[in-house]
Amino acid sequence: MKLTDIDNGNEFDFGRTSDCYSKYRDIYPQSMYEKLIAFGIGKREQRILDLGSGTAILPINMYHTGAYFTATDISENQIAYAQKTASERGIENIDFRVCSAEDTGFDDNSFDVVTAVQCFQYFDKEKATAEICRVLKPDGRFCVIFMDWQPFRDAVIMEMEQLVLKFNPSWSGRGFKNFRYSYPDWAENKFEIETVHSYNAALSFTKEAWLGRVKTCRGIGASLPNDKIAEFEIEYRELLKKYPEPLQLMHQIHIEIYRVNK
């Protein structure tokens, strides 16, 4: 994938990280899932389409609600690992598909909810939102979720970003500050905002888990050659030695829920 407004247009592919992704990216706090349920996402027998699902972290963690999840991703490798993880956990009620967010192939009015977790920035928003409107039932919901680490509040994160930039100077996934919501252009004439909720949470990581999570980021595992990834790992392991375990790293979780106009 190449996008002009991300990493100076350099190519990246999260499918290259799928093994590591399936082990180390299941990091969203339980509080996030509880909030989604409180906001009406995950009701029993809801049909939920998770776009850009990667290794299906959201569906796997919410299947117990009794909702029917469909996990989709443009990467065959991500979906293959998602299926493997679900099978290992004895989860059978998730449907897996390889497709883009802009052209899912599902019938009109098929889903009660569409979710996009940590991925909406990679979509062609005009095409994707048109597709989301098409597959949502009347009065359906579109839920956008992202979680950002906070480098200006944490030296561990700040030093990590500096090291990633050393290996990949074009990486633009850095420098996050607290998000402030404004109604987006892509929602005009398609969606009405229903819920906006942001909160901060300190997430606990072992050094190994944090290293694995960082290696799956766009600036390292999704874009660098294997020899550079190995060099990064050696250098970052050395840098982490000065910090005690577990690492308590501050993140901001942001949830937006829109009601479709149709």
Protein backbone atom coordinates (compact mmCIF):
# COMPACT_ATOMS: atom_id res chain seq x y z
CA MET A 1 0.00 0.00 0.00
CA LYS A 2 1.16 3.53 -0.78
CA LEU A 3 -0.55 6.72 0.37
CA THR A 4 0.81 10.16 -0.44
CA ASP A 5 -0.04 11.59 3.00
CA ILE A 6 1.57 8.74 4.97
CA ASP A 7 5.34 8.14 5.29
CA ASN A 8 6.08 10.37 2.28
CA GLY A 9 4.30 7.90 0.04
CA ASN A 10 6.59 4.97 0.91
CA GLU A 11 5.15 1.47 0.59
CA PHE A 12 4.05 -0.54 3.62
CA ASP A 13 2.31 -3.88 4.14
CA PHE A 14 1.00 -5.02 7.52
CA GLY A 15 0.72 -8.53 6.08
CA ARG A 16 4.50 -8.78 6.51
CA THR A 17 3.99 -8.46 10.28
CA SER A 18 1.15 -10.96 10.70
CA ASP A 19 3.01 -13.49 12.85
CA CYS A 20 4.20 -10.79 15.24
CA TYR A 21 0.90 -8.91 14.90
CA SER A 22 -1.13 -11.89 16.07
CA LYS A 23 1.08 -12.23 19.17
CA TYR A 24 1.58 -8.62 20.23
CA ARG A 25 -1.20 -6.35 18.94
CA ASP A 26 -4.00 -7.62 21.17
CA ILE A 27 -3.40 -4.67 23.50
CA TYR A 28 -6.69 -2.76 23.77
CA PRO A 29 -7.76 -2.51 27.41
CA GLN A 30 -10.83 -4.32 28.70
CA SER A 31 -12.29 -0.91 29.51
CA MET A 32 -12.53 -0.16 25.79
CA TYR A 33 -14.67 -3.22 25.11
CA GLU A 34 -16.85 -2.42 28.11
CA LYS A 35 -17.41 1.10 26.79
CA LEU A 36 -18.32 -0.19 23.33
CA ILE A 37 -20.91 -2.52 24.86
CA ALA A 38 -22.28 0.36 26.95
CA PHE A 39 -22.55 2.43 23.75
CA GLY A 40 -24.58 -0.33 22.06
CA ILE A 41 -21.82 -1.99 20.00
CA GLY A 42 -21.92 -5.77 20.42
CA LYS A 43 -25.55 -6.41 21.25
CA ARG A 44 -26.71 -9.99 21.02
CA GLU A 45 -27.47 -11.00 17.41
CA GLN A 46 -26.17 -7.72 15.97
CA ARG A 47 -24.47 -8.26 12.62
CA ILE A 48 -21.13 -6.45 12.80
CA LEU A 49 -18.69 -5.91 9.93
CA ASP A 50 -15.14 -5.16 11.11
CA LEU A 51 -13.21 -3.48 8.29
CA GLY A 52 -9.41 -3.55 8.21
CA SER A 53 -9.66 -6.20 10.88
CA GLY A 54 -6.02 -7.34 10.69
CA THR A 55 -5.80 -10.41 12.91
CA ALA A 56 -9.42 -9.87 14.06
CA ILE A 57 -8.58 -8.47 17.50
CA LEU A 58 -11.96 -6.77 17.97
CA PRO A 59 -14.15 -9.70 16.83
CA ILE A 60 -12.12 -12.21 18.84
CA ASN A 61 -12.42 -10.13 22.00
CA MET A 62 -16.14 -9.41 21.55
CA TYR A 63 -17.52 -12.66 20.11
CA HIS A 64 -18.79 -13.61 23.60
CA THR A 65 -21.41 -10.82 23.41
CA GLY A 66 -23.52 -12.93 21.06
CA ALA A 67 -23.09 -10.57 18.12
CA TYR A 68 -22.27 -12.06 14.71
CA PHE A 69 -18.93 -10.72 13.48
CA THR A 70 -17.49 -10.61 9.98
CA ALA A 71 -13.77 -9.79 9.94
CA THR A 72 -12.34 -8.41 6.69
CA ASP A 73 -8.94 -7.21 5.60
CA ILE A 74 -7.18 -6.48 2.33
CA SER A 75 -4.27 -8.72 3.41
CA GLU A 76 -4.66 -12.46 2.91
CA ASN A 77 -1.89 -13.06 5.43
CA GLN A 78 -3.62 -11.02 8.15
CA ILE A 79 -6.86 -12.94 7.64
CA ALA A 80 -5.02 -16.27 7.63
CA TYR A 81 -3.51 -15.47 11.03
CA ALA A 82 -6.86 -14.21 12.28
CA GLN A 83 -8.43 -17.55 11.38
CA LYS A 84 -5.57 -19.41 13.04
CA THR A 85 -5.93 -17.41 16.26
CA ALA A 86 -9.69 -17.87 16.37
CA SER A 87 -9.32 -21.60 15.79
CA GLU A 88 -6.73 -21.92 18.55
CA ARG A 89 -9.15 -20.22 20.95
CA GLY A 90 -12.09 -22.37 19.92
CA ILE A 91 -13.99 -19.45 18.37
CA GLU A 92 -16.23 -20.59 15.53
CA ASN A 93 -18.79 -17.82 14.97
CA ILE A 94 -16.64 -15.29 13.09
CA ASP A 95 -16.85 -15.04 9.30
CA PHE A 96 -13.54 -14.13 7.62
CA ARG A 97 -13.23 -12.43 4.23
CA VAL A 98 -10.38 -10.90 2.20
CA CYS A 99 -11.63 -7.66 0.66
CA SER A 100 -11.05 -3.93 0.68
CA ALA A 101 -13.06 -1.46 2.73
CA GLU A 102 -14.01 0.30 -0.49
CA ASP A 103 -15.47 -2.80 -2.18
CA THR A 104 -16.62 -5.46 0.29
CA GLY A 105 -18.93 -7.43 -1.99
CA PHE A 106 -21.64 -7.74 0.68
CA ASP A 107 -25.31 -7.16 -0.06
CA ASP A 108 -27.06 -3.86 0.62
CA ASN A 109 -28.41 -3.41 4.17
CA SER A 110 -26.48 -6.42 5.51
CA PHE A 111 -25.12 -5.12 8.82
CA ASP A 112 -26.32 -3.37 11.97
CA VAL A 113 -22.84 -2.04 12.75
CA VAL A 114 -19.61 -1.40 10.84
CA THR A 115 -16.40 -0.95 12.84
CA ALA A 116 -12.96 0.32 11.82
CA VAL A 117 -10.26 -0.02 14.46
CA GLN A 118 -6.90 1.71 13.97
CA CYS A 119 -7.31 1.57 10.20
CA PHE A 120 -9.68 4.26 8.91
CA GLN A 121 -6.78 6.54 7.97
CA TYR A 122 -5.73 4.00 5.32
CA PHE A 123 -9.08 3.96 3.51
CA ASP A 124 -10.19 6.03 0.55
CA LYS A 125 -12.71 7.83 2.74
CA GLU A 126 -15.11 8.87 -0.02
CA LYS A 127 -15.35 5.36 -1.44
CA ALA A 128 -15.22 3.57 1.92
CA THR A 129 -17.95 5.66 3.53
CA ALA A 130 -20.17 5.17 0.48
CA GLU A 131 -19.64 1.41 0.84
CA ILE A 132 -20.30 1.56 4.59
CA CYS A 133 -23.57 3.40 3.99
CA ARG A 134 -24.56 0.82 1.39
CA VAL A 135 -24.01 -2.26 3.57
CA LEU A 136 -25.48 -0.73 6.76
CA LYS A 137 -29.13 -1.27 7.54
CA PRO A 138 -31.28 1.84 7.95
CA ASP A 139 -30.40 3.45 11.30
CA GLY A 140 -27.19 1.38 11.41
CA ARG A 141 -24.07 2.51 13.21
CA PHE A 142 -20.51 3.17 12.05
CA CYS A 143 -17.91 3.02 14.82
CA VAL A 144 -14.38 4.43 14.36
CA ILE A 145 -11.79 3.55 17.02
CA PHE A 146 -8.14 4.40 17.39
CA MET A 147 -5.61 4.25 20.18
CA ASP A 148 -2.48 6.42 20.21
CA TRP A 149 0.56 6.16 22.43
CA GLN A 150 1.56 9.48 24.02
CA PRO A 151 5.24 10.34 23.51
CA PHE A 152 5.10 13.71 25.25
CA ARG A 153 4.01 12.04 28.46
CA ASP A 154 6.40 9.10 28.43
CA ALA A 155 10.18 8.90 27.91
CA VAL A 156 9.98 5.24 26.83
CA ILE A 157 7.70 6.17 23.94
CA MET A 158 9.65 9.29 23.02
CA GLU A 159 12.93 7.34 22.80
CA MET A 160 11.23 4.60 20.80
CA GLU A 161 9.97 7.12 18.25
CA GLN A 162 13.45 8.62 17.90
CA LEU A 163 14.92 5.18 17.26
CA VAL A 164 12.26 4.29 14.68
CA LEU A 165 13.04 7.56 12.89
CA LYS A 166 16.71 6.64 12.85
CA PHE A 167 15.85 3.52 10.85
CA ASN A 168 12.97 5.04 8.88
CA PRO A 169 13.15 8.86 8.61
CA SER A 170 9.98 8.99 6.49
CA TRP A 171 7.80 7.43 9.20
CA SER A 172 4.91 9.76 10.02
CA GLY A 173 3.19 7.69 12.73
CA ARG A 174 4.63 9.68 15.61
CA GLY A 175 4.25 12.75 17.80
CA PHE A 176 0.65 12.07 18.85
CA LYS A 177 -1.00 14.58 21.18
CA ASN A 178 -4.44 14.42 22.78
CA PHE A 179 -7.01 14.19 20.01
CA ARG A 180 -9.65 16.91 19.72
CA TYR A 181 -12.77 15.98 17.84
CA SER A 182 -14.37 17.97 15.05
CA TYR A 183 -17.12 16.70 12.76
CA PRO A 184 -15.30 15.28 9.69
CA ASP A 185 -15.93 16.18 6.06
CA TRP A 186 -16.38 12.53 5.10
CA ALA A 187 -19.48 12.29 7.32
CA GLU A 188 -21.35 15.13 5.62
CA ASN A 189 -24.74 14.02 4.26
CA LYS A 190 -23.99 10.41 5.24
CA PHE A 191 -23.75 10.19 9.02
CA GLU A 192 -24.89 11.94 12.17
CA ILE A 193 -22.56 11.81 15.16
CA GLU A 194 -24.05 9.89 18.08
CA THR A 195 -21.16 9.33 20.49
CA VAL A 196 -17.68 10.81 20.91
CA HIS A 197 -15.62 9.48 23.79
CA SER A 198 -11.90 9.80 24.55
CA TYR A 199 -10.01 8.70 27.62
CA ASN A 200 -6.46 7.94 28.72
CA ALA A 201 -5.24 4.60 30.00
CA ALA A 202 -1.85 3.34 31.17
CA LEU A 203 -1.21 -0.01 29.47
CA SER A 204 1.14 -2.55 31.03
CA PHE A 205 3.76 -4.31 28.85
CA THR A 206 6.65 -6.62 29.42
CA LYS A 207 9.68 -5.43 27.48
CA GLU A 208 9.26 -8.36 25.11
CA ALA A 209 5.62 -7.53 24.47
CA TRP A 210 6.38 -3.85 23.91
CA LEU A 211 9.21 -4.68 21.51
CA GLY A 212 6.85 -6.99 19.61
CA ARG A 213 4.19 -4.32 19.44
CA VAL A 214 6.69 -1.72 18.14
CA LYS A 215 8.02 -4.14 15.52
CA THR A 216 4.51 -4.43 14.06
CA CYS A 217 4.25 -0.68 13.52
CA ARG A 218 4.19 0.78 10.03
CA GLY A 219 7.65 2.31 10.39
CA ILE A 220 9.41 -0.99 11.19
CA GLY A 221 7.87 -4.40 10.41
CA ALA A 222 5.49 -3.21 7.71
CA SER A 223 8.13 -1.38 5.68
CA LEU A 224 11.78 -2.19 6.50
CA PRO A 225 13.81 -5.09 5.07
CA ASN A 226 14.44 -7.99 7.47
CA ASP A 227 18.07 -7.09 8.13
CA LYS A 228 17.10 -3.57 9.23
CA ILE A 229 14.31 -4.95 11.44
CA ALA A 230 16.89 -7.21 13.11
CA GLU A 231 19.24 -4.25 13.64
CA PHE A 232 16.42 -2.21 15.13
CA GLU A 233 15.54 -5.04 17.53
CA ILE A 234 19.12 -5.34 18.79
CA GLU A 235 19.42 -1.62 19.37
CA TYR A 236 16.03 -1.28 21.01
CA ARG A 237 16.62 -4.21 23.36
CA GLU A 238 19.75 -2.43 24.58
CA LEU A 239 17.90 0.85 25.03
CA LEU A 240 15.13 -0.82 27.06
CA LYS A 241 17.56 -2.25 29.61
CA LYS A 242 17.49 0.94 31.68
CA TYR A 243 13.73 0.73 32.27
CA PRO A 244 12.07 -1.45 34.95
CA GLU A 245 9.38 -3.98 34.09
CA PRO A 246 6.52 -3.90 33.58
CA LEU A 247 6.40 -0.81 31.40
CA GLN A 248 3.37 1.38 32.14
CA LEU A 249 2.75 3.34 28.96
CA MET A 250 0.08 6.00 28.53
CA HIS A 251 -2.30 5.74 25.58
CA GLN A 252 -5.39 7.64 24.47
CA ILE A 253 -8.38 5.61 23.29
CA HIS A 254 -10.84 7.44 21.06
CA ILE A 255 -14.28 6.18 20.04
CA GLU A 256 -16.65 7.78 17.53
CA ILE A 257 -20.07 6.31 16.73
CA TYR A 258 -22.10 7.64 13.80
CA ARG A 259 -25.70 6.86 12.79
CA VAL A 260 -26.18 6.39 9.06
CA ASN A 261 -28.58 8.67 7.17
CA LYS A 262 -30.69 6.50 4.87
